[in-house]
Amino acid sequence: MIRLAHLRMVFLESIGYTYPLLFATIYKILHFLNYDIVQLLVWLPRVVQACLSALADIKLLSLVQRLESPDVAKWTYFCQLCSWFTWYCCTRTLTNTMETVLTTMALHYYPLPGSRTRNSSKYLILVALAILVRPTALIVWLPLLGWHFWQEGDKLKLLSHHALPIGALTLGTSTLLDCIVYGKWTLVQLNFLKFNVLHNVAEFYGTHPWHWYLTQGFAVVLGPHLAFFLHGSTLTPKRYRILLITIIWTVMVYSLLAHKEFRFIYPVLPLCMVFCGFSLASLKAWRRPAACALLVLNLIPALYTGLVHQRGTLDVMSHLRQLCDVSDPQPEVLFLMPCHSTPFYSHIHCPIQMRFLQCPPDLTGNKSYVDEAELFFADPQGWLQGAFPKPASLPSHLVFFDVLEKEILKFLELNRYAKNADVFHTHIPDGRVGRRIFVYERRV
C-alpha cells in the first residue's frame, strides 16, 4: 500500500497547481467569509469558468471585428455561441477548457497580417500560461509561434526581449508554486512529458485507432458546423491560412497519440469558427435559414448533453449529501464504479468516510500489473468477500451502476443491504456504465 501510494503521488506530480490555485483561492475566500456551503463550492468554480469562457468569446469577436467586416465578425460570434461542444465544455473546470480560453485570448493579440498588433508580450504571456495549465497547448501553438518567428524582422529582439524572459518568469513562478505545494523539488512539465510520452501512461486509460479524430472526433466536436467550416476554408483570405494549418497540424499530431478524447482538440474549435463565420456571411439568400438550422441542430445536443446525459453521477452526490446529518453510526460510502466516475468531497463537504476503486497507472514496468478497479470487475463477488471478511468492516452504503447488481446480489442479500436510492444516469449505457445508479444501505 505504501508503494502504491508513492506511485500515485509520483504520477500526480505531472499535474501543476497553476490552474487549481484559482479554485483553491475561491474556496479559501468562501471559508474566510464563512460562506463555504456546498452549493457555492459546487457552482462558483463553474460560474468563474463560464465568465472566463465568455471573455474569450468576446476576444474572438474583437479579433474578427478588427480584421474583417462587421458581417463576418457577427456570424463568427454567432457560430461560436451556438456550438454545442462549447456549451458542453465552457463551464467545466477542465484544463482543456482553460487551455481553450487562454489560446483564444492569446489569438486576439497574435500578430496576424492586418491585425496591427505590435506588442508580442501580451500574447506570449497568455501562451505561456496555457502551456503551464496544460503542456499539450504547445502542440497548438508550435505552428503559430514558428510562423511569427519566421515573419518577424527583428528575431533576436523577439527572443531576448519577449519570448525568453516571459518563458523563464512563468516557468520559474510555476515551478516555485509546485515545489511549495508538493514539498520538494519537482518540474511538472518534465514529469508530464515523461509520463505521457516516455511511459505512455495515457494508454492505460484507453486507446483509439490513429484515424479516430479524422473519421469521428473532429466531426463530432464541430457537429453541424462541419459543412460551414469546410465551405469557409475555401473562402477565407490568405492571412488565415496559418489558422487552417494550425487546425490540421493539431488534429494530425493528436492522431499520433494512442489515447484520444474529444476534449483534447477543443482548443482549435474557436479557430474553426472563424471559417464558419466566413461561410455564413457569404450565403446571402440562404443565410437566415442556414443560421436557424445551425442553431436548432446545435441546441438539441447541447441541451441533451448538458442537462440529461450522464447526469446520475452528479445527482447521486446530492442524495449522499443527506448522510452529513447522520452521526450514529458514522456513514461509510464505497463507490463500486469505474474510478473517478463521480465527484468527491467538493460535492459533499462533510467528513464522512468515502472511498472509490483505485486505478493508478503502473510506473514500474510490471507487465502483470492490474489496478484495483480491474481486479474488482474481474470478480465482483469474490473481491467483496475478500475485502470485507467480517461484518464489522462492511461500509454502510454501496454505490454502483445497475449493470453490477446481478453480479453482487448474493453479497447484498447475505449482508442485509437494501436499495434506498435509484438515480437515472443515461439513455446510452456502455460496458460497466449502466442506465441507472443504485445506492444500497446496510440494515443493522
Foldseek 3Di string as FASTA:
>chain_A
DVVVVVLLLLLCLLAFCPLVVVLVVVCVVCVVVVNLDLVCLPCVQLVVLLVLLVVLLVLLLLQCVQAHPNQLSVQLSLLCVLQLLCLLPSSDSDLLNLLLSLLSNLVSQQPQPNNPRDDNQVSLLSLLVNCLSPVCSCQLCVLSVVVCCVPDPCNVCCVPVHNPVSNCVSQVVRQVVSCVVSVHGGRSNVSNCCCCPVVVQLCLVDFDALCCCVVPQVCVSSPPLVVLLVVLVVPDDPSLVSLVVSLVSQSNVQSVRGRDDSSSSVSSVSSSSSSSSSSLSPPVVCNVVSSVVSNVRSVVSSCCSVPPAQCQLLVVLVVVLVLLPPVVPQAAEEELAPPPSHDPCSNNVHPGHYYYFDDRGDPPPPPPDDGRSRVCVVQVQVVVCVVDVDLVPDGFKYKAAPVCCVRNVVVCVVQAKDWDDKAAGHPDADDRRHRIMTMIGGDD
